[in-house]
N, C-alpha and C. Protein backbone atom coordinates (compact mmCIF):
# COMPACT_ATOMS: atom_id res chain seq x y z
N MET A 1 24.38 14.22 -2.96
CA MET A 1 23.82 12.92 -3.34
C MET A 1 23.94 11.93 -2.13
N GLU A 2 25.11 11.94 -1.52
CA GLU A 2 25.36 11.03 -0.37
C GLU A 2 24.33 11.32 0.76
N ILE A 3 24.08 12.61 1.00
CA ILE A 3 23.11 12.99 2.03
C ILE A 3 21.71 12.47 1.68
N ASP A 4 21.36 12.62 0.40
CA ASP A 4 20.03 12.16 -0.03
C ASP A 4 19.89 10.67 0.22
N ARG A 5 20.93 9.90 -0.03
CA ARG A 5 20.85 8.48 0.17
C ARG A 5 20.73 8.11 1.61
N LEU A 6 21.40 8.84 2.48
CA LEU A 6 21.31 8.61 3.94
C LEU A 6 19.92 8.98 4.42
N GLU A 7 19.34 10.03 3.85
CA GLU A 7 17.99 10.41 4.22
C GLU A 7 16.99 9.33 3.76
N LEU A 8 17.19 8.77 2.58
CA LEU A 8 16.35 7.70 2.09
C LEU A 8 16.50 6.45 2.98
N LEU A 9 17.72 6.16 3.40
CA LEU A 9 17.94 5.03 4.27
C LEU A 9 17.23 5.23 5.59
N ASP A 10 17.20 6.45 6.13
CA ASP A 10 16.50 6.75 7.37
C ASP A 10 15.01 6.57 7.16
N TRP A 11 14.51 7.01 6.04
CA TRP A 11 13.08 6.82 5.72
C TRP A 11 12.70 5.35 5.73
N LYS A 12 13.53 4.54 5.08
CA LYS A 12 13.25 3.12 4.97
C LYS A 12 13.30 2.47 6.37
N ARG A 13 14.27 2.82 7.18
CA ARG A 13 14.35 2.31 8.56
C ARG A 13 13.09 2.60 9.34
N ARG A 14 12.61 3.83 9.22
CA ARG A 14 11.41 4.25 9.95
C ARG A 14 10.20 3.50 9.50
N VAL A 15 10.05 3.26 8.20
CA VAL A 15 8.88 2.55 7.68
C VAL A 15 8.94 1.08 8.07
N PHE A 16 10.11 0.45 7.96
CA PHE A 16 10.24 -0.94 8.37
C PHE A 16 9.94 -1.07 9.84
N ALA A 17 10.45 -0.16 10.67
CA ALA A 17 10.17 -0.23 12.09
C ALA A 17 8.71 -0.03 12.44
N LEU A 18 8.06 0.85 11.66
CA LEU A 18 6.63 1.09 11.88
C LEU A 18 5.83 -0.18 11.61
N TYR A 19 6.08 -0.89 10.51
CA TYR A 19 5.32 -2.08 10.22
C TYR A 19 5.71 -3.22 11.17
N GLN A 20 6.90 -3.23 11.66
CA GLN A 20 7.28 -4.22 12.69
C GLN A 20 6.41 -4.01 13.92
N ASP A 21 6.21 -2.75 14.32
CA ASP A 21 5.37 -2.45 15.45
C ASP A 21 3.92 -2.83 15.19
N VAL A 22 3.43 -2.61 13.95
CA VAL A 22 2.09 -2.97 13.56
C VAL A 22 1.89 -4.46 13.74
N ARG A 23 2.82 -5.25 13.22
CA ARG A 23 2.70 -6.71 13.31
C ARG A 23 2.75 -7.19 14.74
N ALA A 24 3.50 -6.54 15.61
CA ALA A 24 3.69 -6.98 16.99
C ALA A 24 2.53 -6.55 17.89
N SER A 25 1.71 -5.61 17.45
CA SER A 25 0.69 -5.09 18.32
C SER A 25 -0.45 -6.07 18.48
N PRO A 26 -0.95 -6.32 19.68
CA PRO A 26 -2.11 -7.18 19.88
C PRO A 26 -3.46 -6.46 19.60
N ASP A 27 -3.39 -5.19 19.36
CA ASP A 27 -4.57 -4.36 19.15
C ASP A 27 -4.51 -3.70 17.78
N PRO A 28 -5.22 -4.25 16.76
CA PRO A 28 -5.13 -3.69 15.40
C PRO A 28 -5.53 -2.21 15.32
N PHE A 29 -6.53 -1.82 16.12
CA PHE A 29 -6.97 -0.42 16.09
C PHE A 29 -5.89 0.51 16.62
N ALA A 30 -5.29 0.15 17.73
CA ALA A 30 -4.19 0.95 18.27
C ALA A 30 -3.03 0.99 17.31
N ALA A 31 -2.75 -0.12 16.63
CA ALA A 31 -1.67 -0.17 15.64
C ALA A 31 -1.97 0.75 14.46
N TRP A 32 -3.24 0.80 14.09
CA TRP A 32 -3.67 1.67 12.96
C TRP A 32 -3.49 3.14 13.35
N GLN A 33 -3.87 3.48 14.57
CA GLN A 33 -3.72 4.85 15.03
C GLN A 33 -2.24 5.29 15.02
N GLU A 34 -1.37 4.38 15.48
CA GLU A 34 0.05 4.68 15.50
C GLU A 34 0.59 4.79 14.06
N TRP A 35 0.13 3.88 13.19
CA TRP A 35 0.53 3.93 11.79
C TRP A 35 0.16 5.29 11.16
N ARG A 36 -1.05 5.72 11.41
CA ARG A 36 -1.45 7.05 10.90
C ARG A 36 -0.55 8.19 11.44
N ALA A 37 -0.32 8.15 12.75
CA ALA A 37 0.43 9.25 13.39
C ALA A 37 1.85 9.31 12.83
N VAL A 38 2.49 8.13 12.68
CA VAL A 38 3.89 8.13 12.21
C VAL A 38 3.93 8.52 10.74
N ARG A 39 3.01 8.05 9.91
CA ARG A 39 2.99 8.45 8.51
C ARG A 39 2.81 9.97 8.37
N ASP A 40 1.93 10.53 9.16
CA ASP A 40 1.76 11.98 9.06
C ASP A 40 3.07 12.73 9.41
N LYS A 41 3.76 12.28 10.42
CA LYS A 41 5.03 12.93 10.81
C LYS A 41 6.06 12.81 9.66
N LEU A 42 6.10 11.64 9.03
CA LEU A 42 7.06 11.43 7.94
C LEU A 42 6.67 12.29 6.72
N PHE A 43 5.41 12.33 6.37
CA PHE A 43 5.00 13.09 5.20
C PHE A 43 5.13 14.55 5.39
N ILE A 44 4.94 15.05 6.60
CA ILE A 44 4.99 16.46 6.88
C ILE A 44 6.42 16.97 6.99
N ALA A 45 7.32 16.18 7.66
CA ALA A 45 8.60 16.71 8.06
C ALA A 45 9.83 15.99 7.51
N HIS A 46 9.69 14.77 7.05
CA HIS A 46 10.92 14.06 6.64
C HIS A 46 11.43 14.52 5.28
N PRO A 47 12.75 14.66 5.13
CA PRO A 47 13.31 15.14 3.85
C PRO A 47 12.98 14.28 2.65
N GLN A 48 12.64 13.01 2.89
CA GLN A 48 12.30 12.09 1.78
C GLN A 48 10.79 11.95 1.59
N SER A 49 10.02 12.83 2.20
CA SER A 49 8.58 12.79 2.00
C SER A 49 8.25 12.84 0.52
N PRO A 50 7.23 12.06 0.03
CA PRO A 50 6.85 12.20 -1.37
C PRO A 50 6.10 13.50 -1.66
N VAL A 51 5.68 14.22 -0.64
CA VAL A 51 5.05 15.52 -0.82
C VAL A 51 6.13 16.52 -1.27
N PRO A 52 5.93 17.22 -2.36
CA PRO A 52 6.93 18.23 -2.79
C PRO A 52 7.27 19.21 -1.69
N GLN A 53 8.52 19.56 -1.61
CA GLN A 53 8.97 20.43 -0.52
C GLN A 53 8.20 21.75 -0.49
N SER A 54 7.82 22.27 -1.66
CA SER A 54 7.10 23.54 -1.71
C SER A 54 5.73 23.47 -1.06
N LYS A 55 5.15 22.24 -1.00
CA LYS A 55 3.80 22.07 -0.49
C LYS A 55 3.78 21.62 0.99
N ARG A 56 4.93 21.24 1.50
CA ARG A 56 4.97 20.69 2.86
C ARG A 56 4.49 21.67 3.94
N PRO A 57 4.82 22.97 3.85
CA PRO A 57 4.32 23.90 4.91
C PRO A 57 2.82 23.94 4.98
N ARG A 58 2.10 23.63 3.89
CA ARG A 58 0.64 23.69 3.90
C ARG A 58 0.03 22.29 4.03
N PHE A 59 0.87 21.25 4.11
CA PHE A 59 0.36 19.89 4.14
C PHE A 59 -0.07 19.55 5.60
N ALA A 60 -1.36 19.30 5.77
CA ALA A 60 -1.88 19.07 7.15
C ALA A 60 -1.97 17.61 7.57
N GLY A 61 -1.59 16.73 6.69
CA GLY A 61 -1.67 15.29 7.02
C GLY A 61 -2.51 14.51 6.00
N LEU A 62 -2.49 13.20 6.10
CA LEU A 62 -3.15 12.35 5.14
C LEU A 62 -4.62 12.12 5.56
N SER A 63 -5.46 11.79 4.58
CA SER A 63 -6.87 11.57 4.83
C SER A 63 -7.19 10.05 4.83
N TYR A 64 -8.08 9.67 5.70
CA TYR A 64 -8.42 8.26 5.86
C TYR A 64 -9.91 8.10 6.08
N TYR A 65 -10.41 6.90 5.68
CA TYR A 65 -11.73 6.49 6.10
C TYR A 65 -11.68 6.13 7.56
N GLN A 66 -12.86 6.07 8.23
CA GLN A 66 -12.92 5.62 9.61
C GLN A 66 -12.47 4.17 9.67
N TYR A 67 -11.89 3.81 10.82
CA TYR A 67 -11.46 2.41 11.01
C TYR A 67 -12.63 1.50 10.96
N ASN A 68 -12.46 0.37 10.25
CA ASN A 68 -13.52 -0.57 10.10
C ASN A 68 -12.99 -1.99 10.45
N PRO A 69 -13.36 -2.56 11.59
CA PRO A 69 -12.83 -3.91 11.95
C PRO A 69 -13.13 -4.95 10.90
N ALA A 70 -14.26 -4.80 10.19
CA ALA A 70 -14.65 -5.79 9.21
C ALA A 70 -13.68 -5.81 7.99
N ALA A 71 -12.81 -4.78 7.85
CA ALA A 71 -11.92 -4.68 6.74
C ALA A 71 -10.61 -5.45 6.97
N ARG A 72 -10.53 -6.13 8.10
CA ARG A 72 -9.33 -6.94 8.43
C ARG A 72 -9.70 -8.44 8.23
N VAL A 73 -8.96 -9.11 7.34
CA VAL A 73 -9.27 -10.49 7.03
C VAL A 73 -7.96 -11.32 6.96
N LEU A 74 -8.11 -12.61 7.02
CA LEU A 74 -7.03 -13.53 6.82
C LEU A 74 -7.24 -14.26 5.51
N ALA A 75 -6.37 -14.04 4.57
CA ALA A 75 -6.55 -14.58 3.21
C ALA A 75 -5.82 -15.91 3.05
N ASP A 76 -6.46 -16.83 2.39
CA ASP A 76 -5.78 -18.09 1.97
C ASP A 76 -5.04 -17.87 0.68
N VAL A 77 -3.76 -18.32 0.65
CA VAL A 77 -2.92 -18.08 -0.51
C VAL A 77 -2.83 -19.40 -1.27
N ALA A 78 -3.22 -19.35 -2.52
CA ALA A 78 -3.12 -20.51 -3.39
C ALA A 78 -2.08 -20.26 -4.48
N SER A 79 -1.22 -21.22 -4.72
CA SER A 79 -0.18 -21.07 -5.77
C SER A 79 -0.83 -21.02 -7.14
N LEU A 80 -0.23 -20.23 -8.01
CA LEU A 80 -0.62 -20.17 -9.41
C LEU A 80 0.62 -20.46 -10.25
N PRO A 81 0.46 -20.95 -11.45
CA PRO A 81 1.61 -21.08 -12.34
C PRO A 81 2.26 -19.72 -12.52
N SER A 82 3.55 -19.65 -12.33
CA SER A 82 4.26 -18.40 -12.45
C SER A 82 4.06 -17.79 -13.82
N LYS A 83 3.79 -16.49 -13.83
CA LYS A 83 3.60 -15.78 -15.11
C LYS A 83 4.36 -14.47 -15.06
N ALA A 84 5.44 -14.39 -15.84
CA ALA A 84 6.19 -13.18 -15.88
C ALA A 84 5.51 -12.13 -16.78
N GLY A 85 5.70 -10.88 -16.39
CA GLY A 85 5.10 -9.81 -17.20
C GLY A 85 5.49 -8.46 -16.60
N THR A 86 4.75 -7.46 -17.02
CA THR A 86 4.99 -6.14 -16.52
C THR A 86 3.74 -5.53 -15.99
N LEU A 87 3.89 -4.65 -15.02
CA LEU A 87 2.79 -3.90 -14.48
C LEU A 87 2.83 -2.47 -15.06
N PRO A 88 1.68 -1.91 -15.33
CA PRO A 88 1.67 -0.52 -15.81
C PRO A 88 2.19 0.42 -14.71
N SER A 89 2.61 1.59 -15.12
CA SER A 89 3.13 2.53 -14.16
C SER A 89 2.55 3.91 -14.41
N SER A 90 2.83 4.83 -13.44
CA SER A 90 2.28 6.17 -13.56
C SER A 90 3.07 7.04 -14.57
N THR A 91 4.17 6.52 -15.10
CA THR A 91 4.95 7.19 -16.13
C THR A 91 4.98 6.27 -17.36
N SER A 92 5.87 6.54 -18.26
CA SER A 92 5.94 5.73 -19.50
C SER A 92 6.63 4.41 -19.33
N SER A 93 7.35 4.19 -18.22
CA SER A 93 8.10 2.96 -18.00
C SER A 93 7.17 1.93 -17.34
N GLU A 94 7.67 0.70 -17.28
CA GLU A 94 6.90 -0.39 -16.69
C GLU A 94 7.76 -1.09 -15.66
N PHE A 95 7.10 -1.95 -14.83
CA PHE A 95 7.81 -2.70 -13.81
C PHE A 95 7.68 -4.19 -14.11
N SER A 96 8.83 -4.92 -14.01
CA SER A 96 8.86 -6.35 -14.23
C SER A 96 8.46 -7.09 -12.97
N PHE A 97 7.42 -7.90 -13.09
CA PHE A 97 6.93 -8.69 -11.94
C PHE A 97 6.58 -10.09 -12.40
N THR A 98 6.47 -11.00 -11.44
CA THR A 98 5.97 -12.34 -11.71
C THR A 98 4.73 -12.56 -10.84
N ARG A 99 3.60 -12.88 -11.48
CA ARG A 99 2.43 -13.29 -10.70
C ARG A 99 2.67 -14.70 -10.26
N PHE A 100 2.52 -14.93 -8.92
CA PHE A 100 2.90 -16.27 -8.46
C PHE A 100 1.82 -16.91 -7.60
N ALA A 101 0.82 -16.17 -7.12
CA ALA A 101 -0.15 -16.72 -6.24
C ALA A 101 -1.44 -15.90 -6.24
N LEU A 102 -2.46 -16.45 -5.58
CA LEU A 102 -3.75 -15.80 -5.50
C LEU A 102 -4.15 -15.77 -4.04
N ALA A 103 -4.59 -14.62 -3.56
CA ALA A 103 -5.11 -14.48 -2.19
C ALA A 103 -6.62 -14.48 -2.24
N ARG A 104 -7.28 -15.46 -1.55
CA ARG A 104 -8.72 -15.50 -1.52
C ARG A 104 -9.19 -15.20 -0.10
N PHE A 105 -10.25 -14.39 -0.04
CA PHE A 105 -10.69 -13.91 1.32
C PHE A 105 -12.13 -13.43 1.21
N PRO A 106 -12.84 -13.45 2.35
CA PRO A 106 -14.16 -12.84 2.41
C PRO A 106 -14.03 -11.38 2.86
N LEU A 107 -14.75 -10.48 2.24
CA LEU A 107 -14.71 -9.06 2.65
C LEU A 107 -16.12 -8.50 2.52
N PHE A 108 -16.59 -7.97 3.60
CA PHE A 108 -17.98 -7.40 3.65
C PHE A 108 -18.98 -8.42 3.15
N GLY A 109 -18.80 -9.69 3.50
CA GLY A 109 -19.76 -10.72 3.16
C GLY A 109 -19.61 -11.29 1.75
N LEU A 110 -18.59 -10.86 1.02
CA LEU A 110 -18.37 -11.33 -0.35
C LEU A 110 -17.08 -12.10 -0.49
N PRO A 111 -17.08 -13.16 -1.29
CA PRO A 111 -15.84 -13.90 -1.57
C PRO A 111 -15.06 -13.16 -2.65
N LEU A 112 -13.86 -12.77 -2.32
CA LEU A 112 -13.01 -11.94 -3.24
C LEU A 112 -11.64 -12.61 -3.40
N GLU A 113 -10.87 -12.14 -4.39
CA GLU A 113 -9.54 -12.63 -4.63
C GLU A 113 -8.72 -11.58 -5.32
N LEU A 114 -7.42 -11.61 -4.99
CA LEU A 114 -6.44 -10.70 -5.58
C LEU A 114 -5.18 -11.47 -5.94
N GLU A 115 -4.58 -11.11 -7.07
CA GLU A 115 -3.33 -11.73 -7.46
C GLU A 115 -2.15 -11.11 -6.67
N LEU A 116 -1.15 -11.94 -6.41
CA LEU A 116 0.04 -11.51 -5.69
C LEU A 116 1.21 -11.45 -6.70
N TYR A 117 2.00 -10.39 -6.63
CA TYR A 117 3.06 -10.16 -7.57
C TYR A 117 4.41 -10.10 -6.87
N TRP A 118 5.43 -10.67 -7.49
CA TRP A 118 6.78 -10.64 -6.96
C TRP A 118 7.66 -9.78 -7.82
N LEU A 119 8.27 -8.79 -7.18
CA LEU A 119 9.15 -7.84 -7.87
C LEU A 119 10.37 -8.61 -8.41
N GLU A 120 10.65 -8.44 -9.67
CA GLU A 120 11.86 -9.05 -10.29
C GLU A 120 13.00 -8.08 -10.23
N GLY A 121 13.75 -8.10 -9.18
CA GLY A 121 14.90 -7.23 -9.02
C GLY A 121 15.70 -7.77 -7.84
N TYR A 122 16.73 -7.07 -7.46
CA TYR A 122 17.62 -7.52 -6.39
C TYR A 122 16.82 -7.76 -5.11
N GLY A 123 16.85 -9.01 -4.62
CA GLY A 123 16.16 -9.31 -3.40
C GLY A 123 14.68 -9.65 -3.58
N GLY A 124 14.05 -9.14 -4.62
CA GLY A 124 12.64 -9.36 -4.81
C GLY A 124 11.77 -8.73 -3.74
N GLY A 125 10.49 -8.99 -3.83
CA GLY A 125 9.53 -8.46 -2.84
C GLY A 125 8.10 -8.68 -3.29
N LEU A 126 7.20 -8.79 -2.33
CA LEU A 126 5.78 -9.00 -2.64
C LEU A 126 5.07 -7.66 -2.78
N LEU A 127 4.26 -7.51 -3.83
CA LEU A 127 3.46 -6.33 -4.05
C LEU A 127 2.01 -6.75 -4.20
N LEU A 128 1.13 -6.08 -3.46
CA LEU A 128 -0.30 -6.32 -3.61
C LEU A 128 -1.03 -5.01 -3.82
N PRO A 129 -1.22 -4.61 -5.08
CA PRO A 129 -1.98 -3.44 -5.39
C PRO A 129 -3.43 -3.84 -5.68
N PHE A 130 -4.34 -2.91 -5.48
CA PHE A 130 -5.78 -3.25 -5.79
C PHE A 130 -6.53 -1.97 -6.14
N CYS A 131 -7.54 -2.16 -6.94
CA CYS A 131 -8.50 -1.10 -7.24
C CYS A 131 -9.85 -1.53 -6.68
N ASP A 132 -10.75 -0.57 -6.50
CA ASP A 132 -12.09 -0.88 -6.04
C ASP A 132 -13.01 0.24 -6.54
N ALA A 133 -14.26 0.13 -6.15
CA ALA A 133 -15.27 1.03 -6.70
C ALA A 133 -15.16 2.48 -6.22
N THR A 134 -14.25 2.75 -5.31
CA THR A 134 -14.04 4.14 -4.85
C THR A 134 -13.04 4.90 -5.71
N ASN A 135 -12.35 4.21 -6.57
CA ASN A 135 -11.25 4.82 -7.39
C ASN A 135 -11.80 5.91 -8.30
N GLY A 136 -11.01 6.98 -8.39
CA GLY A 136 -11.36 8.10 -9.28
C GLY A 136 -12.16 9.18 -8.61
N LYS A 137 -12.80 8.85 -7.48
CA LYS A 137 -13.63 9.85 -6.79
C LYS A 137 -13.14 9.98 -5.33
N GLU A 138 -13.14 8.87 -4.60
CA GLU A 138 -12.75 8.91 -3.20
C GLU A 138 -11.30 8.51 -3.01
N THR A 139 -10.77 7.71 -3.92
CA THR A 139 -9.39 7.25 -3.88
C THR A 139 -8.76 7.41 -5.25
N TYR A 140 -7.45 7.29 -5.28
CA TYR A 140 -6.68 7.46 -6.53
C TYR A 140 -7.12 6.48 -7.59
N GLY A 141 -7.26 6.96 -8.82
CA GLY A 141 -7.75 6.17 -9.93
C GLY A 141 -6.89 4.98 -10.26
N GLY A 142 -5.58 5.07 -9.98
CA GLY A 142 -4.66 3.98 -10.29
C GLY A 142 -4.63 2.89 -9.24
N GLY A 143 -5.38 3.05 -8.16
CA GLY A 143 -5.42 2.04 -7.13
C GLY A 143 -4.60 2.40 -5.89
N ARG A 144 -4.63 1.49 -4.91
CA ARG A 144 -3.90 1.62 -3.69
C ARG A 144 -3.08 0.38 -3.46
N TYR A 145 -2.16 0.48 -2.52
CA TYR A 145 -1.33 -0.65 -2.12
C TYR A 145 -1.75 -1.18 -0.76
N LEU A 146 -1.72 -2.48 -0.61
CA LEU A 146 -1.93 -3.09 0.68
C LEU A 146 -0.65 -3.66 1.26
N LEU A 147 0.15 -4.27 0.39
CA LEU A 147 1.42 -4.83 0.75
C LEU A 147 2.49 -4.40 -0.26
N ASP A 148 3.67 -4.09 0.23
CA ASP A 148 4.82 -3.78 -0.62
C ASP A 148 6.06 -4.05 0.24
N THR A 149 6.45 -5.28 0.27
CA THR A 149 7.49 -5.72 1.26
C THR A 149 8.86 -5.13 0.93
N VAL A 150 9.11 -4.74 -0.30
CA VAL A 150 10.38 -4.07 -0.61
C VAL A 150 10.53 -2.78 0.20
N LYS A 151 9.41 -2.12 0.45
CA LYS A 151 9.42 -0.86 1.19
C LYS A 151 8.90 -1.04 2.61
N GLY A 152 8.83 -2.29 3.08
CA GLY A 152 8.50 -2.51 4.48
C GLY A 152 7.05 -2.78 4.80
N ALA A 153 6.14 -2.55 3.84
CA ALA A 153 4.70 -2.70 4.05
C ALA A 153 4.31 -4.15 4.10
N ASP A 154 4.34 -4.76 5.28
CA ASP A 154 4.10 -6.17 5.47
C ASP A 154 3.26 -6.34 6.74
N LEU A 155 2.04 -6.84 6.61
CA LEU A 155 1.16 -6.94 7.76
C LEU A 155 1.20 -8.30 8.44
N GLY A 156 2.04 -9.24 7.90
CA GLY A 156 2.21 -10.52 8.57
C GLY A 156 1.29 -11.59 8.06
N GLY A 157 1.30 -12.72 8.71
CA GLY A 157 0.49 -13.87 8.33
C GLY A 157 0.93 -15.11 9.03
N GLU A 158 0.48 -16.27 8.54
CA GLU A 158 0.83 -17.53 9.13
C GLU A 158 0.77 -18.60 8.06
N ALA A 159 1.86 -19.41 7.97
CA ALA A 159 1.91 -20.47 6.98
C ALA A 159 1.53 -19.98 5.59
N ASP A 160 0.47 -20.50 5.03
CA ASP A 160 0.04 -20.10 3.69
C ASP A 160 -1.14 -19.15 3.74
N ARG A 161 -1.14 -18.26 4.76
CA ARG A 161 -2.19 -17.26 4.83
C ARG A 161 -1.57 -15.88 5.10
N LEU A 162 -2.21 -14.85 4.60
CA LEU A 162 -1.72 -13.50 4.76
C LEU A 162 -2.76 -12.64 5.47
N ILE A 163 -2.31 -11.79 6.37
CA ILE A 163 -3.22 -10.79 6.94
C ILE A 163 -3.42 -9.66 5.91
N LEU A 164 -4.66 -9.42 5.55
CA LEU A 164 -5.00 -8.31 4.63
C LEU A 164 -5.93 -7.37 5.46
N ASP A 165 -5.36 -6.29 5.91
CA ASP A 165 -6.13 -5.31 6.65
C ASP A 165 -6.28 -4.04 5.81
N PHE A 166 -7.43 -3.87 5.20
CA PHE A 166 -7.62 -2.78 4.25
C PHE A 166 -7.63 -1.43 4.96
N ASN A 167 -7.71 -1.41 6.27
CA ASN A 167 -7.53 -0.15 7.00
C ASN A 167 -6.12 0.42 6.78
N PHE A 168 -5.18 -0.43 6.40
CA PHE A 168 -3.79 -0.02 6.14
C PHE A 168 -3.51 0.19 4.66
N ALA A 169 -4.56 0.20 3.83
CA ALA A 169 -4.36 0.49 2.41
C ALA A 169 -3.88 1.94 2.23
N TYR A 170 -2.96 2.16 1.32
CA TYR A 170 -2.41 3.49 1.16
C TYR A 170 -2.12 3.82 -0.31
N HIS A 171 -2.02 5.11 -0.59
CA HIS A 171 -1.79 5.58 -1.97
C HIS A 171 -0.32 5.50 -2.34
N PRO A 172 -0.03 5.23 -3.60
CA PRO A 172 1.36 5.29 -4.06
C PRO A 172 1.87 6.73 -4.09
N SER A 173 3.18 6.87 -4.11
CA SER A 173 3.80 8.19 -3.98
C SER A 173 3.43 9.13 -5.11
N CYS A 174 3.10 8.64 -6.30
CA CYS A 174 2.76 9.47 -7.43
C CYS A 174 1.51 10.28 -7.20
N VAL A 175 0.70 9.93 -6.20
CA VAL A 175 -0.48 10.71 -5.90
C VAL A 175 -0.12 12.11 -5.45
N TYR A 176 1.04 12.20 -4.75
CA TYR A 176 1.46 13.49 -4.15
C TYR A 176 2.37 14.26 -5.09
N ASP A 177 3.08 13.56 -5.94
CA ASP A 177 4.01 14.21 -6.87
C ASP A 177 4.16 13.36 -8.11
N PRO A 178 3.75 13.81 -9.28
CA PRO A 178 3.78 13.01 -10.52
C PRO A 178 5.17 12.63 -10.98
N ARG A 179 6.21 13.22 -10.34
CA ARG A 179 7.58 12.82 -10.71
C ARG A 179 7.91 11.43 -10.22
N TRP A 180 7.14 10.92 -9.23
CA TRP A 180 7.39 9.55 -8.79
C TRP A 180 6.86 8.58 -9.80
N ASN A 181 7.56 7.49 -10.01
CA ASN A 181 7.15 6.43 -10.90
C ASN A 181 6.65 5.26 -10.06
N CYS A 182 5.35 4.95 -10.12
CA CYS A 182 4.75 3.95 -9.26
C CYS A 182 4.02 2.87 -10.09
N PRO A 183 4.11 1.60 -9.68
CA PRO A 183 3.29 0.58 -10.31
C PRO A 183 1.78 0.83 -10.10
N LEU A 184 1.01 0.61 -11.07
CA LEU A 184 -0.43 0.77 -11.01
C LEU A 184 -1.08 -0.61 -10.95
N THR A 185 -2.34 -0.65 -10.57
CA THR A 185 -3.06 -1.91 -10.45
C THR A 185 -3.47 -2.44 -11.77
N PRO A 186 -3.14 -3.73 -12.05
CA PRO A 186 -3.56 -4.34 -13.30
C PRO A 186 -5.05 -4.77 -13.25
N PRO A 187 -5.62 -5.07 -14.37
CA PRO A 187 -7.11 -5.41 -14.43
C PRO A 187 -7.46 -6.55 -13.51
N ALA A 188 -6.61 -7.54 -13.33
CA ALA A 188 -6.95 -8.70 -12.52
C ALA A 188 -7.24 -8.37 -11.06
N ASN A 189 -6.71 -7.18 -10.58
CA ASN A 189 -6.91 -6.85 -9.18
C ASN A 189 -7.87 -5.66 -8.96
N ARG A 190 -8.82 -5.58 -9.87
CA ARG A 190 -9.85 -4.55 -9.73
C ARG A 190 -11.10 -5.17 -9.14
N LEU A 191 -11.39 -4.78 -7.87
CA LEU A 191 -12.58 -5.29 -7.20
C LEU A 191 -13.78 -4.42 -7.56
N ALA A 192 -14.90 -5.09 -7.72
CA ALA A 192 -16.12 -4.40 -8.12
C ALA A 192 -16.82 -3.70 -6.97
N VAL A 193 -16.39 -3.98 -5.75
CA VAL A 193 -17.07 -3.44 -4.57
C VAL A 193 -16.29 -2.22 -4.05
N PRO A 194 -16.93 -1.28 -3.37
CA PRO A 194 -16.22 -0.18 -2.74
C PRO A 194 -15.54 -0.67 -1.45
N VAL A 195 -14.27 -0.28 -1.28
CA VAL A 195 -13.52 -0.66 -0.07
C VAL A 195 -13.23 0.66 0.65
N ARG A 196 -14.15 1.07 1.53
CA ARG A 196 -14.01 2.33 2.25
C ARG A 196 -13.26 2.09 3.57
N ALA A 197 -12.01 1.85 3.39
CA ALA A 197 -11.10 1.62 4.51
C ALA A 197 -9.71 2.05 4.03
N GLY A 198 -8.87 2.54 4.96
CA GLY A 198 -7.54 2.96 4.60
C GLY A 198 -7.48 4.38 4.14
N GLU A 199 -6.42 4.69 3.40
CA GLU A 199 -6.22 6.10 2.97
C GLU A 199 -7.17 6.46 1.85
N ARG A 200 -7.62 7.71 1.87
CA ARG A 200 -8.48 8.21 0.82
C ARG A 200 -7.98 9.57 0.37
N LEU A 201 -8.58 10.08 -0.71
CA LEU A 201 -8.25 11.43 -1.13
C LEU A 201 -8.95 12.40 -0.19
N PRO A 202 -8.40 13.58 0.00
CA PRO A 202 -9.04 14.56 0.87
C PRO A 202 -10.49 14.83 0.39
N ALA A 203 -11.41 14.87 1.32
CA ALA A 203 -12.81 15.15 0.96
C ALA A 203 -12.94 16.51 0.36
N GLU A 204 -13.78 16.65 -0.62
CA GLU A 204 -14.01 17.98 -1.28
C GLU A 204 -14.74 18.89 -0.28
N THR A 205 -14.38 20.11 -0.28
CA THR A 205 -15.06 21.07 0.62
C THR A 205 -15.80 22.09 -0.19
């Protein structure tokens, strides 16, 4: 058990360091390439990979859409009255969160918005899950994550604005192993448009 916790600590360090490098990079495309390369290494070889150990020898890496510069936006954050509640999960349990703000942004020529959720637990953390029109076919039906600061996924921002780069959207761990319990996207964060950027399910052959 102690070894498992040290392995998990190492995983967290690596992910936090990865996003620190992403935020510091002056070239979003180069940062995305490094993000992909490091994630593949972690998923293929790290003891805390969400990919089941029995499948790792055959796991060739994660699948992504092509990089799209238009999928990177700066969102204006507007405060909302705090609303406590729970988010659905991939298992029978739920996650306690507080909706506290709204991110408004243009994407592919459309004005869109997503709610921001704060994890109610030790230290707290921002979670931004979303669904879009690719779910269920090209991406996981329960949505993808863009930000999850508890786990290091933070793209940065300025004052009351957040960088939302959908090229960095990724699947929750339950996609790879149903034993993981992951928050799913609530109805308020379901976009009607397809967001073909970031991680996707492997293309059918």
